[in-house]
């Protein structure tokens, strides 16, 4: 795959992202997962729980997270 095709696919993936995991958010924000979880909880962003127990996955709606990040960028 060419470099331009790879960047086009990445743009599509980023623009169509529906949910995002805590680990990914922590990497994006360069923070610990527990900090990101606390920030999201304080912002009122509720997780989506998929499955149960150890094999369950916790995700957040990308649109909610994106709005929260944008609002934080404007306040600081």
PDB file of N, CA and C in Angstrom:
ATOM      1  N   UNK A   1       0.856  -1.181   0.000  1.00  0.00           N
ATOM      2  CA  UNK A   1       0.000   0.000   0.000  1.00  0.00           C
ATOM      3  C   UNK A   1       0.891   1.231   0.000  1.00  0.00           C
ATOM      4  N   UNK A   2       0.562   2.210  -0.827  1.00  0.00           N
ATOM      5  CA  UNK A   2       1.376   3.420  -0.906  1.00  0.00           C
ATOM      6  C   UNK A   2       1.163   4.296   0.325  1.00  0.00           C
ATOM      7  N   UNK A   3       2.088   5.231   0.498  1.00  0.00           N
ATOM      8  CA  UNK A   3       2.009   6.108   1.666  1.00  0.00           C
ATOM      9  C   UNK A   3       0.750   6.964   1.654  1.00  0.00           C
ATOM     10  N   UNK A   4       0.367   7.478   0.477  1.00  0.00           N
ATOM     11  CA  UNK A   4      -0.832   8.312   0.399  1.00  0.00           C
ATOM     12  C   UNK A   4      -2.095   7.502   0.671  1.00  0.00           C
ATOM     13  N   UNK A   5      -2.106   6.240   0.228  1.00  0.00           N
ATOM     14  CA  UNK A   5      -3.262   5.378   0.504  1.00  0.00           C
ATOM     15  C   UNK A   5      -3.373   5.093   1.990  1.00  0.00           C
ATOM     16  N   UNK A   6      -2.227   4.926   2.643  1.00  0.00           N
ATOM     17  CA  UNK A   6      -2.227   4.677   4.083  1.00  0.00           C
ATOM     18  C   UNK A   6      -2.766   5.884   4.839  1.00  0.00           C
ATOM     19  N   UNK A   7      -2.328   7.099   4.480  1.00  0.00           N
ATOM     20  CA  UNK A   7      -2.813   8.292   5.177  1.00  0.00           C
ATOM     21  C   UNK A   7      -4.286   8.534   4.900  1.00  0.00           C
ATOM     22  N   UNK A   8      -4.754   8.229   3.673  1.00  0.00           N
ATOM     23  CA  UNK A   8      -6.177   8.362   3.368  1.00  0.00           C
ATOM     24  C   UNK A   8      -6.995   7.407   4.217  1.00  0.00           C
ATOM     25  N   UNK A   9      -6.537   6.157   4.368  1.00  0.00           N
ATOM     26  CA  UNK A   9      -7.246   5.176   5.186  1.00  0.00           C
ATOM     27  C   UNK A   9      -7.269   5.621   6.637  1.00  0.00           C
ATOM     28  N   UNK A  10      -6.148   6.182   7.123  1.00  0.00           N
ATOM     29  CA  UNK A  10      -6.094   6.660   8.502  1.00  0.00           C
ATOM     30  C   UNK A  10      -7.094   7.791   8.713  1.00  0.00           C
ATOM     31  N   UNK A  11      -7.209   8.697   7.764  1.00  0.00           N
ATOM     32  CA  UNK A  11      -8.182   9.788   7.880  1.00  0.00           C
ATOM     33  C   UNK A  11      -9.599   9.259   7.936  1.00  0.00           C
ATOM     34  N   UNK A  12      -9.885   8.270   7.114  1.00  0.00           N
ATOM     35  CA  UNK A  12     -11.218   7.661   7.116  1.00  0.00           C
ATOM     36  C   UNK A  12     -11.483   6.996   8.460  1.00  0.00           C
ATOM     37  N   UNK A  13     -10.509   6.238   8.961  1.00  0.00           N
ATOM     38  CA  UNK A  13     -10.678   5.559  10.240  1.00  0.00           C
ATOM     39  C   UNK A  13     -10.903   6.565  11.359  1.00  0.00           C
ATOM     40  N   UNK A  14     -10.131   7.657  11.375  1.00  0.00           N
ATOM     41  CA  UNK A  14     -10.278   8.664  12.420  1.00  0.00           C
ATOM     42  C   UNK A  14     -11.619   9.385  12.332  1.00  0.00           C
ATOM     43  N   UNK A  15     -12.072   9.673  11.111  1.00  0.00           N
ATOM     44  CA  UNK A  15     -13.316  10.428  10.967  1.00  0.00           C
ATOM     45  C   UNK A  15     -14.544   9.567  11.227  1.00  0.00           C
ATOM     46  N   UNK A  16     -14.425   8.254  11.070  1.00  0.00           N
ATOM     47  CA  UNK A  16     -15.573   7.373  11.248  1.00  0.00           C
ATOM     48  C   UNK A  16     -15.533   6.612  12.565  1.00  0.00           C
ATOM     49  N   UNK A  17     -14.633   6.971  13.427  1.00  0.00           N
ATOM     50  CA  UNK A  17     -14.499   6.277  14.708  1.00  0.00           C
ATOM     51  C   UNK A  17     -15.772   6.497  15.526  1.00  0.00           C
ATOM     52  N   UNK A  18     -16.347   5.411  16.009  1.00  0.00           N
ATOM     53  CA  UNK A  18     -17.564   5.506  16.808  1.00  0.00           C
ATOM     54  C   UNK A  18     -17.262   5.444  18.294  1.00  0.00           C
ATOM     55  N   UNK A  19     -16.337   4.567  18.674  1.00  0.00           N
ATOM     56  CA  UNK A  19     -15.974   4.443  20.079  1.00  0.00           C
ATOM     57  C   UNK A  19     -14.454   4.419  20.200  1.00  0.00           C
ATOM     58  N   UNK A  20     -13.992   4.672  21.408  1.00  0.00           N
ATOM     59  CA  UNK A  20     -12.557   4.661  21.678  1.00  0.00           C
ATOM     60  C   UNK A  20     -12.339   4.066  23.063  1.00  0.00           C
ATOM     61  N   UNK A  21     -11.262   3.303  23.193  1.00  0.00           N
ATOM     62  CA  UNK A  21     -10.942   2.665  24.458  1.00  0.00           C
ATOM     63  C   UNK A  21     -10.120   3.576  25.357  1.00  0.00           C
ATOM     64  N   UNK A  22     -10.076   3.230  26.617  1.00  0.00           N
ATOM     65  CA  UNK A  22      -9.364   4.018  27.611  1.00  0.00           C
ATOM     66  C   UNK A  22      -7.861   4.035  27.344  1.00  0.00           C
ATOM     67  N   UNK A  23      -7.311   2.899  26.944  1.00  0.00           N
ATOM     68  CA  UNK A  23      -5.871   2.826  26.659  1.00  0.00           C
ATOM     69  C   UNK A  23      -5.495   3.764  25.519  1.00  0.00           C
ATOM     70  N   UNK A  24      -6.293   3.782  24.473  1.00  0.00           N
ATOM     71  CA  UNK A  24      -6.040   4.658  23.332  1.00  0.00           C
ATOM     72  C   UNK A  24      -6.130   6.120  23.753  1.00  0.00           C
ATOM     73  N   UNK A  25      -7.132   6.452  24.550  1.00  0.00           N
ATOM     74  CA  UNK A  25      -7.271   7.832  25.026  1.00  0.00           C
ATOM     75  C   UNK A  25      -6.086   8.247  25.882  1.00  0.00           C
ATOM     76  N   UNK A  26      -5.637   7.351  26.746  1.00  0.00           N
ATOM     77  CA  UNK A  26      -4.493   7.654  27.601  1.00  0.00           C
ATOM     78  C   UNK A  26      -3.248   7.924  26.763  1.00  0.00           C
ATOM     79  N   UNK A  27      -3.058   7.152  25.707  1.00  0.00           N
ATOM     80  CA  UNK A  27      -1.919   7.381  24.819  1.00  0.00           C
ATOM     81  C   UNK A  27      -2.071   8.710  24.088  1.00  0.00           C
ATOM     82  N   UNK A  28      -3.262   9.014  23.620  1.00  0.00           N
ATOM     83  CA  UNK A  28      -3.503  10.267  22.906  1.00  0.00           C
ATOM     84  C   UNK A  28      -3.241  11.481  23.793  1.00  0.00           C
ATOM     85  N   UNK A  29      -3.651  11.383  25.057  1.00  0.00           N
ATOM     86  CA  UNK A  29      -3.540  12.509  25.982  1.00  0.00           C
ATOM     87  C   UNK A  29      -2.254  12.477  26.793  1.00  0.00           C
ATOM     88  N   UNK A  30      -1.439  11.443  26.586  1.00  0.00           N
ATOM     89  CA  UNK A  30      -0.179  11.266  27.311  1.00  0.00           C
ATOM     90  C   UNK A  30      -0.414  11.342  28.822  1.00  0.00           C
ATOM     91  N   UNK A  31      -1.352  10.532  29.267  1.00  0.00           N
ATOM     92  CA  UNK A  31      -1.716  10.495  30.682  1.00  0.00           C
ATOM     93  C   UNK A  31      -1.980   9.048  31.097  1.00  0.00           C
ATOM     94  N   UNK A  32      -2.050   8.818  32.381  1.00  0.00           N
ATOM     95  CA  UNK A  32      -2.336   7.480  32.895  1.00  0.00           C
ATOM     96  C   UNK A  32      -3.820   7.173  32.714  1.00  0.00           C
ATOM     97  N   UNK A  33      -4.128   5.900  32.513  1.00  0.00           N
ATOM     98  CA  UNK A  33      -5.521   5.496  32.289  1.00  0.00           C
ATOM     99  C   UNK A  33      -6.432   5.912  33.436  1.00  0.00           C
ATOM    100  N   UNK A  34      -5.945   5.820  34.674  1.00  0.00           N
ATOM    101  CA  UNK A  34      -6.804   6.194  35.807  1.00  0.00           C
ATOM    102  C   UNK A  34      -7.117   7.693  35.791  1.00  0.00           C
ATOM    103  N   UNK A  35      -6.158   8.507  35.343  1.00  0.00           N
ATOM    104  CA  UNK A  35      -6.405   9.950  35.236  1.00  0.00           C
ATOM    105  C   UNK A  35      -7.452  10.236  34.175  1.00  0.00           C
ATOM    106  N   UNK A  36      -7.318   9.591  33.024  1.00  0.00           N
ATOM    107  CA  UNK A  36      -8.264   9.798  31.934  1.00  0.00           C
ATOM    108  C   UNK A  36      -9.656   9.340  32.356  1.00  0.00           C
ATOM    109  N   UNK A  37      -9.734   8.200  33.031  1.00  0.00           N
ATOM    110  CA  UNK A  37     -11.030   7.693  33.511  1.00  0.00           C
ATOM    111  C   UNK A  37     -11.669   8.701  34.466  1.00  0.00           C
ATOM    112  N   UNK A  38     -10.865   9.267  35.363  1.00  0.00           N
ATOM    113  CA  UNK A  38     -11.382  10.256  36.322  1.00  0.00           C
ATOM    114  C   UNK A  38     -11.856  11.519  35.603  1.00  0.00           C
ATOM    115  N   UNK A  39     -11.075  12.010  34.631  1.00  0.00           N
ATOM    116  CA  UNK A  39     -11.451  13.212  33.876  1.00  0.00           C
ATOM    117  C   UNK A  39     -12.763  13.006  33.137  1.00  0.00           C
ATOM    118  N   UNK A  40     -12.894  11.844  32.503  1.00  0.00           N
ATOM    119  CA  UNK A  40     -14.122  11.559  31.766  1.00  0.00           C
ATOM    120  C   UNK A  40     -15.320  11.474  32.707  1.00  0.00           C
ATOM    121  N   UNK A  41     -15.105  10.855  33.856  1.00  0.00           N
ATOM    122  CA  UNK A  41     -16.182  10.748  34.844  1.00  0.00           C
ATOM    123  C   UNK A  41     -16.586  12.142  35.327  1.00  0.00           C
ATOM    124  N   UNK A  42     -15.614  13.009  35.598  1.00  0.00           N
ATOM    125  CA  UNK A  42     -15.904  14.373  36.041  1.00  0.00           C
ATOM    126  C   UNK A  42     -16.626  15.172  34.959  1.00  0.00           C
ATOM    127  N   UNK A  43     -16.330  14.856  33.697  1.00  0.00           N
ATOM    128  CA  UNK A  43     -16.977  15.548  32.578  1.00  0.00           C
ATOM    129  C   UNK A  43     -18.371  14.999  32.303  1.00  0.00           C
ATOM    130  N   UNK A  44     -18.729  13.914  32.970  1.00  0.00           N
ATOM    131  CA  UNK A  44     -20.052  13.328  32.787  1.00  0.00           C
ATOM    132  C   UNK A  44     -20.148  12.409  31.581  1.00  0.00           C
ATOM    133  N   UNK A  45     -19.005  11.973  31.063  1.00  0.00           N
ATOM    134  CA  UNK A  45     -18.999  11.060  29.916  1.00  0.00           C
ATOM    135  C   UNK A  45     -19.050   9.634  30.442  1.00  0.00           C
ATOM    136  N   UNK A  46     -20.136   8.958  30.135  1.00  0.00           N
ATOM    137  CA  UNK A  46     -20.361   7.612  30.657  1.00  0.00           C
ATOM    138  C   UNK A  46     -19.789   6.573  29.710  1.00  0.00           C
ATOM    139  N   UNK A  47     -19.204   5.515  30.268  1.00  0.00           N
ATOM    140  CA  UNK A  47     -18.640   4.463  29.420  1.00  0.00           C
ATOM    141  C   UNK A  47     -19.716   3.544  28.855  1.00  0.00           C
ATOM    142  N   UNK A  48     -19.361   2.897  27.761  1.00  0.00           N
ATOM    143  CA  UNK A  48     -20.187   1.850  27.168  1.00  0.00           C
ATOM    144  C   UNK A  48     -19.509   0.541  27.534  1.00  0.00           C
ATOM    145  N   UNK A  49     -20.205  -0.338  28.226  1.00  0.00           N
ATOM    146  CA  UNK A  49     -19.627  -1.600  28.660  1.00  0.00           C
ATOM    147  C   UNK A  49     -20.099  -2.701  27.728  1.00  0.00           C
ATOM    148  N   UNK A  50     -19.130  -3.370  27.105  1.00  0.00           N
ATOM    149  CA  UNK A  50     -19.423  -4.464  26.180  1.00  0.00           C
ATOM    150  C   UNK A  50     -18.945  -5.761  26.815  1.00  0.00           C
ATOM    151  N   UNK A  51     -19.845  -6.671  27.058  1.00  0.00           N
ATOM    152  CA  UNK A  51     -19.470  -7.931  27.684  1.00  0.00           C
ATOM    153  C   UNK A  51     -19.460  -7.824  29.196  1.00  0.00           C
ATOM    154  N   UNK A  52     -18.982  -8.902  29.827  1.00  0.00           N
ATOM    155  CA  UNK A  52     -18.968  -8.947  31.293  1.00  0.00           C
ATOM    156  C   UNK A  52     -17.637  -9.468  31.801  1.00  0.00           C
ATOM    157  N   UNK A  53     -17.342  -9.124  33.028  1.00  0.00           N
ATOM    158  CA  UNK A  53     -16.164  -9.668  33.688  1.00  0.00           C
ATOM    159  C   UNK A  53     -14.853  -9.268  33.044  1.00  0.00           C
ATOM    160  N   UNK A  54     -13.869 -10.145  33.163  1.00  0.00           N
ATOM    161  CA  UNK A  54     -12.515  -9.871  32.674  1.00  0.00           C
ATOM    162  C   UNK A  54     -12.460  -9.659  31.173  1.00  0.00           C
ATOM    163  N   UNK A  55     -13.336 -10.309  30.454  1.00  0.00           N
ATOM    164  CA  UNK A  55     -13.316 -10.210  29.002  1.00  0.00           C
ATOM    165  C   UNK A  55     -14.163  -9.065  28.468  1.00  0.00           C
ATOM    166  N   UNK A  56     -14.779  -8.315  29.344  1.00  0.00           N
ATOM    167  CA  UNK A  56     -15.587  -7.188  28.917  1.00  0.00           C
ATOM    168  C   UNK A  56     -14.712  -6.043  28.443  1.00  0.00           C
ATOM    169  N   UNK A  57     -15.268  -5.194  27.631  1.00  0.00           N
ATOM    170  CA  UNK A  57     -14.536  -4.041  27.102  1.00  0.00           C
ATOM    171  C   UNK A  57     -15.273  -2.768  27.477  1.00  0.00           C
ATOM    172  N   UNK A  58     -14.511  -1.759  27.837  1.00  0.00           N
ATOM    173  CA  UNK A  58     -15.086  -0.463  28.175  1.00  0.00           C
ATOM    174  C   UNK A  58     -14.688   0.509  27.080  1.00  0.00           C
ATOM    175  N   UNK A  59     -15.664   1.158  26.495  1.00  0.00           N
ATOM    176  CA  UNK A  59     -15.438   2.111  25.417  1.00  0.00           C
ATOM    177  C   UNK A  59     -16.195   3.398  25.730  1.00  0.00           C
ATOM    178  N   UNK A  60     -15.782   4.448  25.056  1.00  0.00           N
ATOM    179  CA  UNK A  60     -16.434   5.743  25.197  1.00  0.00           C
ATOM    180  C   UNK A  60     -16.843   6.225  23.813  1.00  0.00           C
ATOM    181  N   UNK A  61     -17.950   6.926  23.711  1.00  0.00           N
ATOM    182  CA  UNK A  61     -18.391   7.465  22.426  1.00  0.00           C
ATOM    183  C   UNK A  61     -17.375   8.515  21.972  1.00  0.00           C
ATOM    184  N   UNK A  62     -16.832   8.316  20.790  1.00  0.00           N
ATOM    185  CA  UNK A  62     -15.801   9.218  20.274  1.00  0.00           C
ATOM    186  C   UNK A  62     -16.318  10.646  20.163  1.00  0.00           C
ATOM    187  N   UNK A  63     -17.553  10.812  19.739  1.00  0.00           N
ATOM    188  CA  UNK A  63     -18.119  12.161  19.581  1.00  0.00           C
ATOM    189  C   UNK A  63     -18.117  12.898  20.926  1.00  0.00           C
ATOM    190  N   UNK A  64     -18.502  12.219  22.005  1.00  0.00           N
ATOM    191  CA  UNK A  64     -18.510  12.842  23.334  1.00  0.00           C
ATOM    192  C   UNK A  64     -17.099  13.213  23.772  1.00  0.00           C
ATOM    193  N   UNK A  65     -16.162  12.306  23.549  1.00  0.00           N
ATOM    194  CA  UNK A  65     -14.772  12.543  23.949  1.00  0.00           C
ATOM    195  C   UNK A  65     -14.178  13.687  23.137  1.00  0.00           C
ATOM    196  N   UNK A  66     -14.455  13.695  21.848  1.00  0.00           N
ATOM    197  CA  UNK A  66     -13.926  14.741  20.968  1.00  0.00           C
ATOM    198  C   UNK A  66     -14.439  16.112  21.391  1.00  0.00           C
ATOM    199  N   UNK A  67     -15.721  16.206  21.710  1.00  0.00           N
ATOM    200  CA  UNK A  67     -16.293  17.476  22.178  1.00  0.00           C
ATOM    201  C   UNK A  67     -15.639  17.924  23.479  1.00  0.00           C
ATOM    202  N   UNK A  68     -15.397  16.972  24.382  1.00  0.00           N
ATOM    203  CA  UNK A  68     -14.764  17.286  25.659  1.00  0.00           C
ATOM    204  C   UNK A  68     -13.343  17.801  25.442  1.00  0.00           C
ATOM    205  N   UNK A  69     -12.588  17.141  24.562  1.00  0.00           N
ATOM    206  CA  UNK A  69     -11.218  17.569  24.279  1.00  0.00           C
ATOM    207  C   UNK A  69     -11.213  18.970  23.675  1.00  0.00           C
ATOM    208  N   UNK A  70     -12.109  19.220  22.726  1.00  0.00           N
ATOM    209  CA  UNK A  70     -12.176  20.538  22.097  1.00  0.00           C
ATOM    210  C   UNK A  70     -12.556  21.615  23.104  1.00  0.00           C
ATOM    211  N   UNK A  71     -13.454  21.311  24.026  1.00  0.00           N
ATOM    212  CA  UNK A  71     -13.846  22.306  25.028  1.00  0.00           C
ATOM    213  C   UNK A  71     -12.689  22.601  25.976  1.00  0.00           C
ATOM    214  N   UNK A  72     -11.868  21.608  26.264  1.00  0.00           N
ATOM    215  CA  UNK A  72     -10.704  21.816  27.131  1.00  0.00           C
ATOM    216  C   UNK A  72      -9.636  22.639  26.431  1.00  0.00           C
ATOM    217  N   UNK A  73      -9.501  22.474  25.120  1.00  0.00           N
ATOM    218  CA  UNK A  73      -8.504  23.245  24.379  1.00  0.00           C
ATOM    219  C   UNK A  73      -8.840  24.730  24.383  1.00  0.00           C
ATOM    220  N   UNK A  74     -10.124  25.062  24.387  1.00  0.00           N
ATOM    221  CA  UNK A  74     -10.534  26.450  24.337  1.00  0.00           C
ATOM    222  C   UNK A  74     -10.458  27.122  25.708  1.00  0.00           C
ATOM    223  N   UNK A  75     -10.479  26.355  26.786  1.00  0.00           N
ATOM    224  CA  UNK A  75     -10.464  26.947  28.113  1.00  0.00           C
ATOM    225  C   UNK A  75      -9.058  27.175  28.639  1.00  0.00           C
ATOM    226  N   UNK A  76      -8.098  26.467  28.104  1.00  0.00           N
ATOM    227  CA  UNK A  76      -6.737  26.608  28.636  1.00  0.00           C
ATOM    228  C   UNK A  76      -5.905  27.534  27.813  1.00  0.00           C
TER     229      UNK A  76
END
